[in-house]
Amino acid sequence: MLLEKSWGLIREYTINQVCTVKLMLIAAGQSTSLHYHRLRDDMWIILDNGLEVQVGNEKFFPREGDEFVIKAGVEHKITAGDKPVRVLEIDFGYSTEDDVSYLEPSAGVESSD
């Protein structure tokens, strides 16, 4: 929701909802695993240029300020280019690491997402 104020704008992402907010930092040349969640939807707000986003079978090269909504059950992944990148993630629904179904491992990391 966009709220206009006399001094500018407010972009409201969630109001009176149960959600979890995370700031992710993906190191240069690294990626999250390709995965999905059964119990939650994710919203990503891109804070830096220089990354690739995969949602389902589509790949995007978003710019700072772009937004993605990933519904439960849809596979997704973030890959950083030659510099670290930040993504603000808002999880809607039950947010737990037990609700991650991995389809492929993270790049450059042996452990889970």
PDB file of N, CA and C in Angstrom:
ATOM      1  N   MET A   1       0.847  -1.169   0.000  1.00  0.00           N
ATOM      2  CA  MET A   1       0.000   0.000   0.000  1.00  0.00           C
ATOM      3  C   MET A   1       0.892   1.231   0.000  1.00  0.00           C
ATOM      4  N   LEU A   2       0.495   2.213  -0.750  1.00  0.00           N
ATOM      5  CA  LEU A   2       1.237   3.460  -0.840  1.00  0.00           C
ATOM      6  C   LEU A   2       0.431   4.551  -0.145  1.00  0.00           C
ATOM      7  N   LEU A   3       1.028   5.181   0.841  1.00  0.00           N
ATOM      8  CA  LEU A   3       0.374   6.257   1.581  1.00  0.00           C
ATOM      9  C   LEU A   3       1.045   7.576   1.228  1.00  0.00           C
ATOM     10  N   GLU A   4       0.267   8.508   0.721  1.00  0.00           N
ATOM     11  CA  GLU A   4       0.813   9.829   0.405  1.00  0.00           C
ATOM     12  C   GLU A   4       0.717  10.727   1.632  1.00  0.00           C
ATOM     13  N   LYS A   5       1.803  11.410   1.917  1.00  0.00           N
ATOM     14  CA  LYS A   5       1.879  12.352   3.031  1.00  0.00           C
ATOM     15  C   LYS A   5       2.279  13.715   2.471  1.00  0.00           C
ATOM     16  N   SER A   6       2.090  14.745   3.246  1.00  0.00           N
ATOM     17  CA  SER A   6       2.469  16.082   2.791  1.00  0.00           C
ATOM     18  C   SER A   6       3.975  16.190   2.549  1.00  0.00           C
ATOM     19  N   TRP A   7       4.759  15.353   3.254  1.00  0.00           N
ATOM     20  CA  TRP A   7       6.213  15.405   3.138  1.00  0.00           C
ATOM     21  C   TRP A   7       6.772  14.366   2.171  1.00  0.00           C
ATOM     22  N   GLY A   8       5.903  13.462   1.625  1.00  0.00           N
ATOM     23  CA  GLY A   8       6.392  12.422   0.709  1.00  0.00           C
ATOM     24  C   GLY A   8       5.482  11.212   0.707  1.00  0.00           C
ATOM     25  N   LEU A   9       6.080  10.016   0.679  1.00  0.00           N
ATOM     26  CA  LEU A   9       5.339   8.770   0.566  1.00  0.00           C
ATOM     27  C   LEU A   9       5.784   7.757   1.602  1.00  0.00           C
ATOM     28  N   ILE A  10       4.872   6.871   1.963  1.00  0.00           N
ATOM     29  CA  ILE A  10       5.181   5.697   2.786  1.00  0.00           C
ATOM     30  C   ILE A  10       4.731   4.478   1.998  1.00  0.00           C
ATOM     31  N   ARG A  11       5.613   3.525   1.819  1.00  0.00           N
ATOM     32  CA  ARG A  11       5.238   2.250   1.211  1.00  0.00           C
ATOM     33  C   ARG A  11       5.061   1.273   2.357  1.00  0.00           C
ATOM     34  N   GLU A  12       3.840   0.794   2.532  1.00  0.00           N
ATOM     35  CA  GLU A  12       3.498  -0.103   3.632  1.00  0.00           C
ATOM     36  C   GLU A  12       3.448  -1.530   3.099  1.00  0.00           C
ATOM     37  N   TYR A  13       4.224  -2.441   3.698  1.00  0.00           N
ATOM     38  CA  TYR A  13       4.298  -3.815   3.223  1.00  0.00           C
ATOM     39  C   TYR A  13       3.425  -4.760   4.029  1.00  0.00           C
ATOM     40  N   THR A  14       3.268  -4.511   5.291  1.00  0.00           N
ATOM     41  CA  THR A  14       2.443  -5.372   6.134  1.00  0.00           C
ATOM     42  C   THR A  14       1.837  -4.528   7.242  1.00  0.00           C
ATOM     43  N   ILE A  15       0.608  -4.838   7.582  1.00  0.00           N
ATOM     44  CA  ILE A  15      -0.056  -4.143   8.681  1.00  0.00           C
ATOM     45  C   ILE A  15      -0.906  -5.157   9.438  1.00  0.00           C
ATOM     46  N   ASN A  16      -0.676  -5.226  10.725  1.00  0.00           N
ATOM     47  CA  ASN A  16      -1.437  -6.100  11.610  1.00  0.00           C
ATOM     48  C   ASN A  16      -1.436  -7.556  11.154  1.00  0.00           C
ATOM     49  N   GLN A  17      -0.305  -8.019  10.630  1.00  0.00           N
ATOM     50  CA  GLN A  17      -0.158  -9.410  10.204  1.00  0.00           C
ATOM     51  C   GLN A  17       1.022 -10.035  10.933  1.00  0.00           C
ATOM     52  N   VAL A  18       0.931 -11.346  11.117  1.00  0.00           N
ATOM     53  CA  VAL A  18       2.069 -12.075  11.645  1.00  0.00           C
ATOM     54  C   VAL A  18       3.069 -12.243  10.512  1.00  0.00           C
ATOM     55  N   CYS A  19       4.281 -11.743  10.723  1.00  0.00           N
ATOM     56  CA  CYS A  19       5.315 -11.867   9.694  1.00  0.00           C
ATOM     57  C   CYS A  19       6.686 -11.833  10.360  1.00  0.00           C
ATOM     58  N   THR A  20       7.683 -12.252   9.601  1.00  0.00           N
ATOM     59  CA  THR A  20       9.071 -12.201  10.030  1.00  0.00           C
ATOM     60  C   THR A  20       9.819 -11.353   9.012  1.00  0.00           C
ATOM     61  N   VAL A  21      10.652 -10.428   9.494  1.00  0.00           N
ATOM     62  CA  VAL A  21      11.412  -9.556   8.609  1.00  0.00           C
ATOM     63  C   VAL A  21      12.895  -9.876   8.771  1.00  0.00           C
ATOM     64  N   LYS A  22      13.568 -10.096   7.639  1.00  0.00           N
ATOM     65  CA  LYS A  22      14.986 -10.465   7.645  1.00  0.00           C
ATOM     66  C   LYS A  22      15.756  -9.581   6.670  1.00  0.00           C
ATOM     67  N   LEU A  23      16.986  -9.267   7.013  1.00  0.00           N
ATOM     68  CA  LEU A  23      17.902  -8.610   6.093  1.00  0.00           C
ATOM     69  C   LEU A  23      18.941  -9.649   5.705  1.00  0.00           C
ATOM     70  N   MET A  24      18.959 -10.031   4.426  1.00  0.00           N
ATOM     71  CA  MET A  24      19.904 -11.040   3.955  1.00  0.00           C
ATOM     72  C   MET A  24      21.081 -10.349   3.276  1.00  0.00           C
ATOM     73  N   LEU A  25      22.267 -10.852   3.525  1.00  0.00           N
ATOM     74  CA  LEU A  25      23.481 -10.396   2.850  1.00  0.00           C
ATOM     75  C   LEU A  25      24.076 -11.607   2.151  1.00  0.00           C
ATOM     76  N   ILE A  26      24.105 -11.564   0.837  1.00  0.00           N
ATOM     77  CA  ILE A  26      24.665 -12.658   0.053  1.00  0.00           C
ATOM     78  C   ILE A  26      26.053 -12.216  -0.390  1.00  0.00           C
ATOM     79  N   ALA A  27      27.042 -12.992  -0.018  1.00  0.00           N
ATOM     80  CA  ALA A  27      28.438 -12.653  -0.317  1.00  0.00           C
ATOM     81  C   ALA A  27      28.682 -12.686  -1.823  1.00  0.00           C
ATOM     82  N   ALA A  28      29.666 -11.929  -2.263  1.00  0.00           N
ATOM     83  CA  ALA A  28      30.032 -11.861  -3.682  1.00  0.00           C
ATOM     84  C   ALA A  28      30.274 -13.257  -4.233  1.00  0.00           C
ATOM     85  N   GLY A  29      29.658 -13.552  -5.384  1.00  0.00           N
ATOM     86  CA  GLY A  29      29.851 -14.827  -6.046  1.00  0.00           C
ATOM     87  C   GLY A  29      29.127 -16.005  -5.418  1.00  0.00           C
ATOM     88  N   GLN A  30      28.320 -15.753  -4.414  1.00  0.00           N
ATOM     89  CA  GLN A  30      27.621 -16.830  -3.703  1.00  0.00           C
ATOM     90  C   GLN A  30      26.132 -16.818  -4.047  1.00  0.00           C
ATOM     91  N   SER A  31      25.441 -17.893  -3.673  1.00  0.00           N
ATOM     92  CA  SER A  31      23.996 -17.938  -3.885  1.00  0.00           C
ATOM     93  C   SER A  31      23.336 -18.735  -2.776  1.00  0.00           C
ATOM     94  N   THR A  32      22.063 -18.447  -2.584  1.00  0.00           N
ATOM     95  CA  THR A  32      21.271 -19.286  -1.694  1.00  0.00           C
ATOM     96  C   THR A  32      21.005 -20.589  -2.427  1.00  0.00           C
ATOM     97  N   SER A  33      20.496 -21.570  -1.734  1.00  0.00           N
ATOM     98  CA  SER A  33      20.094 -22.804  -2.400  1.00  0.00           C
ATOM     99  C   SER A  33      18.828 -22.538  -3.209  1.00  0.00           C
ATOM    100  N   LEU A  34      18.564 -23.388  -4.173  1.00  0.00           N
ATOM    101  CA  LEU A  34      17.269 -23.377  -4.849  1.00  0.00           C
ATOM    102  C   LEU A  34      16.346 -24.154  -3.926  1.00  0.00           C
ATOM    103  N   HIS A  35      15.296 -23.505  -3.448  1.00  0.00           N
ATOM    104  CA  HIS A  35      14.445 -24.114  -2.434  1.00  0.00           C
ATOM    105  C   HIS A  35      13.028 -23.548  -2.509  1.00  0.00           C
ATOM    106  N   TYR A  36      12.149 -24.110  -1.689  1.00  0.00           N
ATOM    107  CA  TYR A  36      10.795 -23.579  -1.551  1.00  0.00           C
ATOM    108  C   TYR A  36      10.313 -23.816  -0.122  1.00  0.00           C
ATOM    109  N   HIS A  37       9.218 -23.190   0.222  1.00  0.00           N
ATOM    110  CA  HIS A  37       8.600 -23.317   1.539  1.00  0.00           C
ATOM    111  C   HIS A  37       7.165 -23.794   1.362  1.00  0.00           C
ATOM    112  N   ARG A  38       6.690 -24.579   2.286  1.00  0.00           N
ATOM    113  CA  ARG A  38       5.308 -25.055   2.253  1.00  0.00           C
ATOM    114  C   ARG A  38       4.378 -24.170   3.070  1.00  0.00           C
ATOM    115  N   LEU A  39       4.916 -23.509   4.096  1.00  0.00           N
ATOM    116  CA  LEU A  39       4.076 -22.847   5.093  1.00  0.00           C
ATOM    117  C   LEU A  39       4.101 -21.328   5.040  1.00  0.00           C
ATOM    118  N   ARG A  40       4.806 -20.756   4.083  1.00  0.00           N
ATOM    119  CA  ARG A  40       4.882 -19.296   4.053  1.00  0.00           C
ATOM    120  C   ARG A  40       5.095 -18.768   2.641  1.00  0.00           C
ATOM    121  N   ASP A  41       4.708 -17.515   2.449  1.00  0.00           N
ATOM    122  CA  ASP A  41       5.043 -16.739   1.261  1.00  0.00           C
ATOM    123  C   ASP A  41       6.207 -15.825   1.633  1.00  0.00           C
ATOM    124  N   ASP A  42       7.065 -15.531   0.681  1.00  0.00           N
ATOM    125  CA  ASP A  42       8.168 -14.590   0.898  1.00  0.00           C
ATOM    126  C   ASP A  42       7.959 -13.360   0.034  1.00  0.00           C
ATOM    127  N   MET A  43       8.395 -12.230   0.532  1.00  0.00           N
ATOM    128  CA  MET A  43       8.485 -11.021  -0.280  1.00  0.00           C
ATOM    129  C   MET A  43       9.922 -10.548  -0.194  1.00  0.00           C
ATOM    130  N   TRP A  44      10.523 -10.306  -1.347  1.00  0.00           N
ATOM    131  CA  TRP A  44      11.886  -9.787  -1.402  1.00  0.00           C
ATOM    132  C   TRP A  44      11.856  -8.366  -1.914  1.00  0.00           C
ATOM    133  N   ILE A  45      12.571  -7.495  -1.227  1.00  0.00           N
ATOM    134  CA  ILE A  45      12.777  -6.117  -1.656  1.00  0.00           C
ATOM    135  C   ILE A  45      14.275  -5.979  -1.903  1.00  0.00           C
ATOM    136  N   ILE A  46      14.622  -5.721  -3.145  1.00  0.00           N
ATOM    137  CA  ILE A  46      16.031  -5.676  -3.548  1.00  0.00           C
ATOM    138  C   ILE A  46      16.640  -4.346  -3.094  1.00  0.00           C
ATOM    139  N   LEU A  47      17.734  -4.434  -2.332  1.00  0.00           N
ATOM    140  CA  LEU A  47      18.381  -3.232  -1.798  1.00  0.00           C
ATOM    141  C   LEU A  47      19.629  -2.823  -2.571  1.00  0.00           C
ATOM    142  N   ASP A  48      20.199  -3.743  -3.346  1.00  0.00           N
ATOM    143  CA  ASP A  48      21.417  -3.457  -4.103  1.00  0.00           C
ATOM    144  C   ASP A  48      21.290  -4.000  -5.518  1.00  0.00           C
ATOM    145  N   ASN A  49      21.965  -3.367  -6.457  1.00  0.00           N
ATOM    146  CA  ASN A  49      22.066  -3.877  -7.816  1.00  0.00           C
ATOM    147  C   ASN A  49      23.118  -4.986  -7.853  1.00  0.00           C
ATOM    148  N   GLY A  50      23.101  -5.788  -8.913  1.00  0.00           N
ATOM    149  CA  GLY A  50      24.163  -6.759  -9.118  1.00  0.00           C
ATOM    150  C   GLY A  50      23.839  -8.167  -8.678  1.00  0.00           C
ATOM    151  N   LEU A  51      22.573  -8.561  -8.755  1.00  0.00           N
ATOM    152  CA  LEU A  51      22.227  -9.922  -8.390  1.00  0.00           C
ATOM    153  C   LEU A  51      21.273 -10.523  -9.408  1.00  0.00           C
ATOM    154  N   GLU A  52      21.134 -11.830  -9.327  1.00  0.00           N
ATOM    155  CA  GLU A  52      20.179 -12.569 -10.149  1.00  0.00           C
ATOM    156  C   GLU A  52      19.175 -13.224  -9.218  1.00  0.00           C
ATOM    157  N   VAL A  53      17.908 -13.154  -9.584  1.00  0.00           N
ATOM    158  CA  VAL A  53      16.834 -13.772  -8.816  1.00  0.00           C
ATOM    159  C   VAL A  53      16.173 -14.824  -9.690  1.00  0.00           C
ATOM    160  N   GLN A  54      15.983 -16.010  -9.140  1.00  0.00           N
ATOM    161  CA  GLN A  54      15.220 -17.044  -9.826  1.00  0.00           C
ATOM    162  C   GLN A  54      13.940 -17.287  -9.037  1.00  0.00           C
ATOM    163  N   VAL A  55      12.807 -17.203  -9.717  1.00  0.00           N
ATOM    164  CA  VAL A  55      11.501 -17.519  -9.139  1.00  0.00           C
ATOM    165  C   VAL A  55      10.834 -18.480 -10.112  1.00  0.00           C
ATOM    166  N   GLY A  56      10.594 -19.715  -9.664  1.00  0.00           N
ATOM    167  CA  GLY A  56      10.104 -20.734 -10.582  1.00  0.00           C
ATOM    168  C   GLY A  56      11.144 -20.971 -11.656  1.00  0.00           C
ATOM    169  N   ASN A  57      10.735 -20.982 -12.904  1.00  0.00           N
ATOM    170  CA  ASN A  57      11.660 -21.190 -14.023  1.00  0.00           C
ATOM    171  C   ASN A  57      12.168 -19.889 -14.622  1.00  0.00           C
ATOM    172  N   GLU A  58      11.774 -18.752 -14.042  1.00  0.00           N
ATOM    173  CA  GLU A  58      12.174 -17.446 -14.583  1.00  0.00           C
ATOM    174  C   GLU A  58      13.366 -16.878 -13.833  1.00  0.00           C
ATOM    175  N   LYS A  59      14.255 -16.226 -14.576  1.00  0.00           N
ATOM    176  CA  LYS A  59      15.406 -15.538 -13.981  1.00  0.00           C
ATOM    177  C   LYS A  59      15.288 -14.051 -14.271  1.00  0.00           C
ATOM    178  N   PHE A  60      15.646 -13.260 -13.262  1.00  0.00           N
ATOM    179  CA  PHE A  60      15.548 -11.808 -13.349  1.00  0.00           C
ATOM    180  C   PHE A  60      16.869 -11.195 -12.917  1.00  0.00           C
ATOM    181  N   PHE A  61      17.148  -9.995 -13.419  1.00  0.00           N
ATOM    182  CA  PHE A  61      18.317  -9.206 -13.015  1.00  0.00           C
ATOM    183  C   PHE A  61      17.783  -7.881 -12.483  1.00  0.00           C
ATOM    184  N   PRO A  62      17.262  -7.911 -11.250  1.00  0.00           N
ATOM    185  CA  PRO A  62      16.547  -6.744 -10.718  1.00  0.00           C
ATOM    186  C   PRO A  62      17.464  -5.586 -10.373  1.00  0.00           C
ATOM    187  N   ARG A  63      16.845  -4.443 -10.236  1.00  0.00           N
ATOM    188  CA  ARG A  63      17.521  -3.220  -9.819  1.00  0.00           C
ATOM    189  C   ARG A  63      17.103  -2.908  -8.384  1.00  0.00           C
ATOM    190  N   GLU A  64      17.870  -2.075  -7.739  1.00  0.00           N
ATOM    191  CA  GLU A  64      17.548  -1.609  -6.395  1.00  0.00           C
ATOM    192  C   GLU A  64      16.108  -1.102  -6.368  1.00  0.00           C
ATOM    193  N   GLY A  65      15.327  -1.585  -5.388  1.00  0.00           N
ATOM    194  CA  GLY A  65      13.938  -1.167  -5.240  1.00  0.00           C
ATOM    195  C   GLY A  65      12.926  -2.116  -5.854  1.00  0.00           C
ATOM    196  N   ASP A  66      13.373  -3.034  -6.703  1.00  0.00           N
ATOM    197  CA  ASP A  66      12.444  -4.013  -7.273  1.00  0.00           C
ATOM    198  C   ASP A  66      11.935  -4.942  -6.169  1.00  0.00           C
ATOM    199  N   GLU A  67      10.748  -5.483  -6.379  1.00  0.00           N
ATOM    200  CA  GLU A  67      10.102  -6.333  -5.376  1.00  0.00           C
ATOM    201  C   GLU A  67       9.605  -7.615  -6.024  1.00  0.00           C
ATOM    202  N   PHE A  68       9.665  -8.702  -5.254  1.00  0.00           N
ATOM    203  CA  PHE A  68       9.174 -10.003  -5.694  1.00  0.00           C
ATOM    204  C   PHE A  68       8.317 -10.606  -4.592  1.00  0.00           C
ATOM    205  N   VAL A  69       7.218 -11.235  -4.967  1.00  0.00           N
ATOM    206  CA  VAL A  69       6.409 -12.016  -4.039  1.00  0.00           C
ATOM    207  C   VAL A  69       6.502 -13.461  -4.500  1.00  0.00           C
ATOM    208  N   ILE A  70       6.954 -14.327  -3.595  1.00  0.00           N
ATOM    209  CA  ILE A  70       7.124 -15.739  -3.910  1.00  0.00           C
ATOM    210  C   ILE A  70       6.119 -16.510  -3.063  1.00  0.00           C
ATOM    211  N   LYS A  71       5.165 -17.125  -3.712  1.00  0.00           N
ATOM    212  CA  LYS A  71       4.120 -17.881  -3.023  1.00  0.00           C
ATOM    213  C   LYS A  71       4.675 -19.204  -2.498  1.00  0.00           C
ATOM    214  N   ALA A  72       4.065 -19.716  -1.452  1.00  0.00           N
ATOM    215  CA  ALA A  72       4.440 -21.019  -0.903  1.00  0.00           C
ATOM    216  C   ALA A  72       4.419 -22.059  -2.018  1.00  0.00           C
ATOM    217  N   GLY A  73       5.419 -22.922  -2.032  1.00  0.00           N
ATOM    218  CA  GLY A  73       5.498 -23.977  -3.023  1.00  0.00           C
ATOM    219  C   GLY A  73       6.268 -23.615  -4.271  1.00  0.00           C
ATOM    220  N   VAL A  74       6.637 -22.342  -4.452  1.00  0.00           N
ATOM    221  CA  VAL A  74       7.365 -21.903  -5.642  1.00  0.00           C
ATOM    222  C   VAL A  74       8.861 -21.859  -5.321  1.00  0.00           C
ATOM    223  N   GLU A  75       9.667 -22.503  -6.153  1.00  0.00           N
ATOM    224  CA  GLU A  75      11.111 -22.525  -5.927  1.00  0.00           C
ATOM    225  C   GLU A  75      11.710 -21.144  -6.185  1.00  0.00           C
ATOM    226  N   HIS A  76      12.775 -20.831  -5.433  1.00  0.00           N
ATOM    227  CA  HIS A  76      13.411 -19.526  -5.575  1.00  0.00           C
ATOM    228  C   HIS A  76      14.859 -19.570  -5.098  1.00  0.00           C
ATOM    229  N   LYS A  77      15.624 -18.559  -5.592  1.00  0.00           N
ATOM    230  CA  LYS A  77      17.067 -18.523  -5.334  1.00  0.00           C
ATOM    231  C   LYS A  77      17.579 -17.119  -5.624  1.00  0.00           C
ATOM    232  N   ILE A  78      18.619 -16.700  -4.897  1.00  0.00           N
ATOM    233  CA  ILE A  78      19.296 -15.421  -5.133  1.00  0.00           C
ATOM    234  C   ILE A  78      20.778 -15.702  -5.362  1.00  0.00           C
ATOM    235  N   THR A  79      21.347 -15.086  -6.390  1.00  0.00           N
ATOM    236  CA  THR A  79      22.773 -15.226  -6.682  1.00  0.00           C
ATOM    237  C   THR A  79      23.389 -13.832  -6.765  1.00  0.00           C
ATOM    238  N   ALA A  80      24.466 -13.631  -6.004  1.00  0.00           N
ATOM    239  CA  ALA A  80      25.182 -12.345  -6.034  1.00  0.00           C
ATOM    240  C   ALA A  80      26.204 -12.361  -7.165  1.00  0.00           C
ATOM    241  N   GLY A  81      26.441 -11.192  -7.725  1.00  0.00           N
ATOM    242  CA  GLY A  81      27.470 -11.037  -8.754  1.00  0.00           C
ATOM    243  C   GLY A  81      28.831 -10.858  -8.121  1.00  0.00           C
ATOM    244  N   ASP A  82      29.570  -9.848  -8.561  1.00  0.00           N
ATOM    245  CA  ASP A  82      30.949  -9.651  -8.102  1.00  0.00           C
ATOM    246  C   ASP A  82      31.070  -8.804  -6.840  1.00  0.00           C
ATOM    247  N   LYS A  83      29.940  -8.506  -6.190  1.00  0.00           N
ATOM    248  CA  LYS A  83      29.990  -7.777  -4.921  1.00  0.00           C
ATOM    249  C   LYS A  83      28.854  -8.288  -4.026  1.00  0.00           C
ATOM    250  N   PRO A  84      28.977  -8.105  -2.720  1.00  0.00           N
ATOM    251  CA  PRO A  84      27.902  -8.536  -1.822  1.00  0.00           C
ATOM    252  C   PRO A  84      26.614  -7.759  -2.119  1.00  0.00           C
ATOM    253  N   VAL A  85      25.476  -8.397  -1.902  1.00  0.00           N
ATOM    254  CA  VAL A  85      24.183  -7.750  -2.127  1.00  0.00           C
ATOM    255  C   VAL A  85      23.268  -7.990  -0.935  1.00  0.00           C
ATOM    256  N   ARG A  86      22.359  -7.022  -0.732  1.00  0.00           N
ATOM    257  CA  ARG A  86      21.405  -7.103   0.373  1.00  0.00           C
ATOM    258  C   ARG A  86      19.985  -7.224  -0.184  1.00  0.00           C
ATOM    259  N   VAL A  87      19.203  -8.059   0.497  1.00  0.00           N
ATOM    260  CA  VAL A  87      17.795  -8.239   0.150  1.00  0.00           C
ATOM    261  C   VAL A  87      17.001  -8.236   1.447  1.00  0.00           C
ATOM    262  N   LEU A  88      15.961  -7.419   1.505  1.00  0.00           N
ATOM    263  CA  LEU A  88      15.055  -7.423   2.646  1.00  0.00           C
ATOM    264  C   LEU A  88      13.998  -8.477   2.360  1.00  0.00           C
ATOM    265  N   GLU A  89      13.827  -9.416   3.282  1.00  0.00           N
ATOM    266  CA  GLU A  89      12.843 -10.485   3.111  1.00  0.00           C
ATOM    267  C   GLU A  89      11.766 -10.347   4.178  1.00  0.00           C
ATOM    268  N   ILE A  90      10.521 -10.406   3.750  1.00  0.00           N
ATOM    269  CA  ILE A  90       9.383 -10.427   4.665  1.00  0.00           C
ATOM    270  C   ILE A  90       8.678 -11.753   4.441  1.00  0.00           C
ATOM    271  N   ASP A  91       8.613 -12.574   5.505  1.00  0.00           N
ATOM    272  CA  ASP A  91       7.955 -13.875   5.434  1.00  0.00           C
ATOM    273  C   ASP A  91       6.547 -13.744   5.991  1.00  0.00           C
ATOM    274  N   PHE A  92       5.568 -14.183   5.220  1.00  0.00           N
ATOM    275  CA  PHE A  92       4.171 -14.163   5.645  1.00  0.00           C
ATOM    276  C   PHE A  92       3.729 -15.593   5.912  1.00  0.00           C
ATOM    277  N   GLY A  93       3.371 -15.884   7.151  1.00  0.00           N
ATOM    278  CA  GLY A  93       3.004 -17.241   7.539  1.00  0.00           C
ATOM    279  C   GLY A  93       3.998 -17.764   8.545  1.00  0.00           C
ATOM    280  N   TYR A  94       4.019 -19.057   8.719  1.00  0.00           N
ATOM    281  CA  TYR A  94       4.878 -19.696   9.712  1.00  0.00           C
ATOM    282  C   TYR A  94       6.306 -19.748   9.192  1.00  0.00           C
ATOM    283  N   SER A  95       7.212 -19.039   9.836  1.00  0.00           N
ATOM    284  CA  SER A  95       8.592 -18.928   9.381  1.00  0.00           C
ATOM    285  C   SER A  95       9.509 -19.746  10.281  1.00  0.00           C
ATOM    286  N   THR A  96      10.063 -20.813   9.719  1.00  0.00           N
ATOM    287  CA  THR A  96      11.014 -21.651  10.434  1.00  0.00           C
ATOM    288  C   THR A  96      11.951 -22.293   9.419  1.00  0.00           C
ATOM    289  N   GLU A  97      13.169 -22.558   9.815  1.00  0.00           N
ATOM    290  CA  GLU A  97      14.122 -23.216   8.928  1.00  0.00           C
ATOM    291  C   GLU A  97      13.719 -24.662   8.646  1.00  0.00           C
ATOM    292  N   ASP A  98      12.817 -25.225   9.456  1.00  0.00           N
ATOM    293  CA  ASP A  98      12.317 -26.581   9.203  1.00  0.00           C
ATOM    294  C   ASP A  98      11.393 -26.625   7.985  1.00  0.00           C
ATOM    295  N   ASP A  99      10.953 -25.458   7.502  1.00  0.00           N
ATOM    296  CA  ASP A  99      10.038 -25.381   6.367  1.00  0.00           C
ATOM    297  C   ASP A  99      10.784 -25.043   5.068  1.00  0.00           C
ATOM    298  N   VAL A 100      12.002 -25.530   4.941  1.00  0.00           N
ATOM    299  CA  VAL A 100      12.782 -25.295   3.730  1.00  0.00           C
ATOM    300  C   VAL A 100      12.982 -26.640   3.036  1.00  0.00           C
ATOM    301  N   SER A 101      12.512 -26.748   1.809  1.00  0.00           N
ATOM    302  CA  SER A 101      12.718 -27.947   1.004  1.00  0.00           C
ATOM    303  C   SER A 101      13.761 -27.606  -0.058  1.00  0.00           C
ATOM    304  N   TYR A 102      14.942 -28.234   0.052  1.00  0.00           N
ATOM    305  CA  TYR A 102      16.073 -27.920  -0.825  1.00  0.00           C
ATOM    306  C   TYR A 102      15.999 -28.707  -2.128  1.00  0.00           C
ATOM    307  N   LEU A 103      16.197 -28.017  -3.247  1.00  0.00           N
ATOM    308  CA  LEU A 103      16.224 -28.648  -4.561  1.00  0.00           C
ATOM    309  C   LEU A 103      17.645 -28.749  -5.100  1.00  0.00           C
ATOM    310  N   GLU A 104      18.516 -27.848  -4.655  1.00  0.00           N
ATOM    311  CA  GLU A 104      19.938 -27.892  -4.990  1.00  0.00           C
ATOM    312  C   GLU A 104      20.665 -27.107  -3.907  1.00  0.00           C
ATOM    313  N   PRO A 105      21.937 -27.414  -3.663  1.00  0.00           N
ATOM    314  CA  PRO A 105      22.671 -26.742  -2.579  1.00  0.00           C
ATOM    315  C   PRO A 105      23.034 -25.297  -2.918  1.00  0.00           C
ATOM    316  N   SER A 106      23.438 -24.581  -1.892  1.00  0.00           N
ATOM    317  CA  SER A 106      23.948 -23.227  -2.056  1.00  0.00           C
ATOM    318  C   SER A 106      25.275 -23.270  -2.787  1.00  0.00           C
ATOM    319  N   ALA A 107      25.589 -22.215  -3.520  1.00  0.00           N
ATOM    320  CA  ALA A 107      26.877 -22.130  -4.222  1.00  0.00           C
ATOM    321  C   ALA A 107      27.967 -21.743  -3.232  1.00  0.00           C
ATOM    322  N   GLY A 108      29.010 -22.547  -3.160  1.00  0.00           N
ATOM    323  CA  GLY A 108      30.169 -22.201  -2.350  1.00  0.00           C
ATOM    324  C   GLY A 108      30.018 -22.521  -0.873  1.00  0.00           C
ATOM    325  N   VAL A 109      28.910 -23.155  -0.478  1.00  0.00           N
ATOM    326  CA  VAL A 109      28.675 -23.456   0.928  1.00  0.00           C
ATOM    327  C   VAL A 109      28.241 -24.911   1.028  1.00  0.00           C
ATOM    328  N   GLU A 110      28.876 -25.678   1.932  1.00  0.00           N
ATOM    329  CA  GLU A 110      28.516 -27.087   2.057  1.00  0.00           C
ATOM    330  C   GLU A 110      27.243 -27.302   2.851  1.00  0.00           C
ATOM    331  N   SER A 111      26.944 -26.426   3.796  1.00  0.00           N
ATOM    332  CA  SER A 111      25.770 -26.624   4.646  1.00  0.00           C
ATOM    333  C   SER A 111      24.519 -26.070   3.977  1.00  0.00           C
ATOM    334  N   SER A 112      23.406 -26.171   4.682  1.00  0.00           N
ATOM    335  CA  SER A 112      22.121 -25.736   4.139  1.00  0.00           C
ATOM    336  C   SER A 112      22.053 -24.233   4.017  1.00  0.00           C
ATOM    337  N   ASP A 113      21.028 -23.779   3.303  1.00  0.00           N
ATOM    338  CA  ASP A 113      20.717 -22.375   3.021  1.00  0.00           C
ATOM    339  C   ASP A 113      21.059 -21.552   4.204  1.00  0.00           C
TER     340      ASP A 113
END
